[in-house]
Amino acid sequence: MIEFLSLTSLPNELNNLTSLTTLNMDKYASLISLSNELDNFTSLTILNMVWYFRLTLLPNELGNLISLSTVNINGGSSLISLPNELGNLTSFTTLNVQCGYSSLMSLPNKLGNFTSLTTLNMIKCLSLISLPNELEDLTSLTTLNMEYCLRLTSLPNELSNLKSLITLNMKWCESLTSLPNELSNLTSLITLNMNGCLSLISFSIEI
């Protein structure tokens, strides 16, 4: 685990760790950017990042980490976007983002390329206002968790095409006003959590 509160960039020496499989970076509160040389970590499978208060962007080079399966981001309060290049990763299955008071307002434009993704957790992304229609292309997705996305107002009708979806958690999405009628098409859905959706006006699912 790397834990340096004052460092603004990763040590160059890390670039030589080509056999690294797990990188845990905790309390990198002053980090401004990640090194472009991250693409040397071709064996990396898990990237954990905690307390990144000044980091605004993740490098596009993450799309070159061919073994990467899991990205966990917790506390990235300045994060404004996620790289489209993550969609290049055929082994990429899990994206966990817990933003807090983040500026992240949308998911990647090419979200539909994330076809191997099984778990998408976007928790406390307080500036997130919508989900892209390309969500329907995530045919492997089993878990969608948008808990405490307080500004999210609606879900795309295309959500109903996620035939593998088992869990849909919209807990405390206070601005959510309606659900797609086509949710009845989610034949694999086992858990639907709508607790705290205070603005929900219509909730009609045909069975």
Protein backbone atom coordinates (compact mmCIF):
# COMPACT_ATOMS: atom_id res chain seq x y z
CA MET A 1 0.00 0.00 0.00
CA ILE A 2 1.20 3.48 -0.87
CA GLU A 3 0.24 6.15 1.67
CA PHE A 4 1.81 9.56 1.14
CA LEU A 5 -0.28 12.62 1.93
CA SER A 6 2.08 15.17 0.38
CA LEU A 7 3.15 13.55 -2.93
CA THR A 8 1.67 15.13 -6.06
CA SER A 9 2.66 12.34 -8.48
CA LEU A 10 3.65 8.70 -8.41
CA PRO A 11 7.36 7.84 -7.96
CA ASN A 12 9.00 7.09 -11.30
CA GLU A 13 10.48 3.93 -9.83
CA LEU A 14 7.04 2.32 -9.86
CA ASN A 15 7.18 2.11 -13.64
CA ASN A 16 9.58 -0.84 -13.42
CA LEU A 17 7.11 -3.03 -11.49
CA THR A 18 5.82 -4.81 -14.58
CA SER A 19 4.73 -7.90 -12.60
CA LEU A 20 2.54 -5.92 -10.18
CA THR A 21 -0.99 -7.36 -9.93
CA THR A 22 -2.55 -5.17 -7.19
CA LEU A 23 -1.93 -1.48 -6.56
CA ASN A 24 -3.44 0.04 -3.39
CA MET A 25 -2.98 3.80 -3.13
CA ASP A 26 -4.40 5.18 0.10
CA LYS A 27 -4.48 8.78 1.37
CA TYR A 28 -2.79 10.33 -1.68
CA ALA A 29 -4.56 13.57 -0.79
CA SER A 30 -2.20 15.86 -2.76
CA LEU A 31 -2.00 13.76 -5.92
CA ILE A 32 -2.73 15.87 -8.99
CA SER A 33 -2.07 13.37 -11.76
CA LEU A 34 -1.25 9.74 -12.36
CA SER A 35 1.84 8.91 -14.35
CA ASN A 36 1.29 8.11 -18.03
CA GLU A 37 3.72 5.25 -17.54
CA LEU A 38 0.95 3.31 -15.79
CA ASP A 39 0.56 1.44 -19.06
CA ASN A 40 3.72 -0.49 -18.10
CA PHE A 41 1.63 -2.34 -15.49
CA THR A 42 0.36 -4.92 -17.97
CA SER A 43 -0.09 -7.53 -15.20
CA LEU A 44 -2.17 -5.25 -12.98
CA THR A 45 -5.61 -6.70 -12.19
CA ILE A 46 -6.81 -4.51 -9.28
CA LEU A 47 -6.42 -0.74 -8.82
CA ASN A 48 -7.58 0.70 -5.48
CA MET A 49 -7.55 4.46 -4.94
CA VAL A 50 -8.71 6.12 -1.69
CA TRP A 51 -8.83 9.81 -0.66
CA TYR A 52 -7.93 11.59 -3.90
CA PHE A 53 -9.14 15.06 -3.14
CA ARG A 54 -7.20 16.90 -5.92
CA LEU A 55 -7.16 14.33 -8.72
CA THR A 56 -9.53 15.47 -11.50
CA LEU A 57 -8.78 12.96 -14.28
CA LEU A 58 -7.66 9.38 -14.66
CA PRO A 59 -5.14 8.83 -17.47
CA ASN A 60 -6.32 7.40 -20.78
CA GLU A 61 -3.43 4.96 -20.50
CA LEU A 62 -5.54 2.90 -18.09
CA GLY A 63 -7.02 1.47 -21.27
CA ASN A 64 -3.68 -0.21 -21.98
CA LEU A 65 -3.72 -2.30 -18.78
CA ILE A 66 -4.87 -5.44 -20.55
CA SER A 67 -5.21 -7.51 -17.35
CA LEU A 68 -7.14 -4.92 -15.33
CA SER A 69 -10.40 -6.33 -13.99
CA THR A 70 -11.30 -4.08 -11.04
CA VAL A 71 -11.07 -0.34 -10.34
CA ASN A 72 -12.10 0.97 -6.90
CA ILE A 73 -12.19 4.75 -6.37
CA ASN A 74 -13.23 6.12 -3.00
CA GLY A 75 -13.13 9.77 -2.03
CA GLY A 76 -12.25 11.30 -5.40
CA SER A 77 -14.04 14.54 -4.62
CA SER A 78 -12.45 16.46 -7.55
CA LEU A 79 -12.96 13.74 -10.15
CA ILE A 80 -14.79 15.13 -13.19
CA SER A 81 -14.70 12.23 -15.66
CA LEU A 82 -13.74 8.62 -16.28
CA PRO A 83 -11.70 7.64 -19.37
CA ASN A 84 -13.52 6.07 -22.32
CA GLU A 85 -10.45 3.92 -22.84
CA LEU A 86 -11.53 1.63 -20.00
CA GLY A 87 -13.87 0.17 -22.60
CA ASN A 88 -10.82 -1.32 -24.37
CA LEU A 89 -10.27 -3.74 -21.49
CA THR A 90 -11.77 -7.14 -22.25
CA SER A 91 -11.11 -8.37 -18.68
CA PHE A 92 -12.67 -5.33 -16.99
CA THR A 93 -15.55 -6.56 -14.81
CA THR A 94 -15.92 -4.23 -11.81
CA LEU A 95 -16.07 -0.44 -11.46
CA ASN A 96 -16.68 0.95 -7.98
CA VAL A 97 -16.81 4.74 -7.62
CA GLN A 98 -17.73 6.44 -4.34
CA CYS A 99 -17.32 10.11 -5.00
CA GLY A 100 -18.62 12.10 -2.07
CA TYR A 101 -18.88 15.73 -3.14
CA SER A 102 -17.59 15.11 -6.63
CA SER A 103 -17.89 17.07 -9.88
CA LEU A 104 -18.49 13.85 -11.82
CA MET A 105 -21.63 14.64 -13.82
CA SER A 106 -21.76 11.78 -16.33
CA LEU A 107 -20.45 8.35 -17.19
CA PRO A 108 -18.08 7.82 -20.15
CA ASN A 109 -19.59 8.55 -23.58
CA LYS A 110 -18.45 5.14 -24.74
CA LEU A 111 -19.90 3.25 -21.78
CA GLY A 112 -21.39 0.80 -24.27
CA ASN A 113 -17.89 -0.53 -24.97
CA PHE A 114 -17.65 -1.88 -21.41
CA THR A 115 -19.22 -5.15 -22.52
CA SER A 116 -17.39 -7.32 -19.96
CA LEU A 117 -18.56 -5.20 -17.00
CA THR A 118 -20.62 -7.17 -14.45
CA THR A 119 -20.68 -4.70 -11.53
CA LEU A 120 -21.17 -0.93 -11.75
CA ASN A 121 -21.32 0.93 -8.42
CA MET A 122 -21.62 4.72 -8.58
CA ILE A 123 -22.23 5.65 -4.94
CA LYS A 124 -22.66 9.21 -3.66
CA CYS A 125 -21.88 10.72 -7.06
CA LEU A 126 -23.80 13.81 -6.03
CA SER A 127 -23.35 15.68 -9.33
CA LEU A 128 -24.38 12.80 -11.59
CA ILE A 129 -27.59 13.81 -13.36
CA SER A 130 -28.16 11.12 -15.99
CA LEU A 131 -27.20 7.72 -17.30
CA PRO A 132 -26.36 7.29 -20.99
CA ASN A 133 -28.56 5.27 -23.35
CA GLU A 134 -25.47 3.18 -24.11
CA LEU A 135 -26.11 1.46 -20.80
CA GLU A 136 -28.13 -1.09 -22.78
CA ASP A 137 -24.93 -2.46 -24.33
CA LEU A 138 -23.66 -3.70 -20.95
CA THR A 139 -25.09 -7.14 -21.59
CA SER A 140 -22.96 -8.80 -18.87
CA LEU A 141 -24.04 -6.39 -16.12
CA THR A 142 -25.53 -8.12 -13.07
CA THR A 143 -25.32 -5.30 -10.47
CA LEU A 144 -26.14 -1.61 -10.94
CA ASN A 145 -25.85 0.48 -7.78
CA MET A 146 -26.60 4.22 -7.95
CA GLU A 147 -27.08 4.73 -4.22
CA TYR A 148 -27.20 8.36 -3.01
CA CYS A 149 -26.93 9.88 -6.50
CA LEU A 150 -29.07 12.75 -5.27
CA ARG A 151 -29.39 14.66 -8.59
CA LEU A 152 -30.24 11.69 -10.80
CA THR A 153 -33.74 12.40 -12.16
CA SER A 154 -34.49 9.46 -14.45
CA LEU A 155 -33.36 6.13 -15.80
CA PRO A 156 -33.08 5.46 -19.54
CA ASN A 157 -35.68 3.15 -21.06
CA GLU A 158 -32.77 1.18 -22.48
CA LEU A 159 -32.14 -0.12 -18.97
CA SER A 160 -34.80 -2.74 -19.68
CA ASN A 161 -32.44 -4.45 -22.15
CA LEU A 162 -30.07 -5.57 -19.39
CA LYS A 163 -31.28 -9.15 -19.35
CA SER A 164 -28.52 -10.28 -16.97
CA LEU A 165 -29.27 -7.63 -14.31
CA ILE A 166 -29.88 -9.20 -10.89
CA THR A 167 -29.59 -6.21 -8.55
CA LEU A 168 -30.77 -2.63 -9.12
CA ASN A 169 -30.15 -0.28 -6.19
CA MET A 170 -31.45 3.29 -6.45
CA LYS A 171 -31.54 3.94 -2.70
CA TRP A 172 -31.85 7.63 -1.76
CA CYS A 173 -31.89 8.93 -5.32
CA GLU A 174 -34.00 11.80 -4.02
CA SER A 175 -34.56 13.49 -7.41
CA LEU A 176 -35.67 10.36 -9.26
CA THR A 177 -39.25 10.95 -10.44
CA SER A 178 -40.06 7.84 -12.46
CA LEU A 179 -38.96 4.39 -13.53
CA PRO A 180 -39.15 2.95 -17.05
CA ASN A 181 -42.28 0.84 -17.55
CA GLU A 182 -40.11 -1.65 -19.40
CA LEU A 183 -38.46 -2.77 -16.15
CA SER A 184 -40.75 -5.80 -16.40
CA ASN A 185 -38.38 -7.03 -19.14
CA LEU A 186 -35.63 -7.55 -16.54
CA THR A 187 -36.40 -11.22 -16.14
CA SER A 188 -33.25 -11.93 -14.08
CA LEU A 189 -33.90 -9.11 -11.57
CA ILE A 190 -34.03 -10.36 -7.97
CA THR A 191 -33.41 -7.21 -5.90
CA LEU A 192 -34.89 -3.74 -6.52
CA ASN A 193 -34.17 -1.11 -3.84
CA MET A 194 -36.01 2.20 -4.12
CA ASN A 195 -35.82 3.28 -0.46
CA GLY A 196 -35.63 7.05 -0.01
CA CYS A 197 -36.67 7.96 -3.57
CA LEU A 198 -38.73 10.84 -2.20
CA SER A 199 -39.62 12.40 -5.58
CA LEU A 200 -40.82 9.19 -7.22
CA ILE A 201 -44.18 9.98 -8.83
CA SER A 202 -44.91 6.90 -10.92
CA PHE A 203 -43.88 3.34 -10.33
CA SER A 204 -45.67 0.97 -12.66
CA ILE A 205 -44.23 -2.38 -13.64
CA GLU A 206 -46.23 -4.73 -15.83
CA ILE A 207 -45.91 -8.34 -14.76
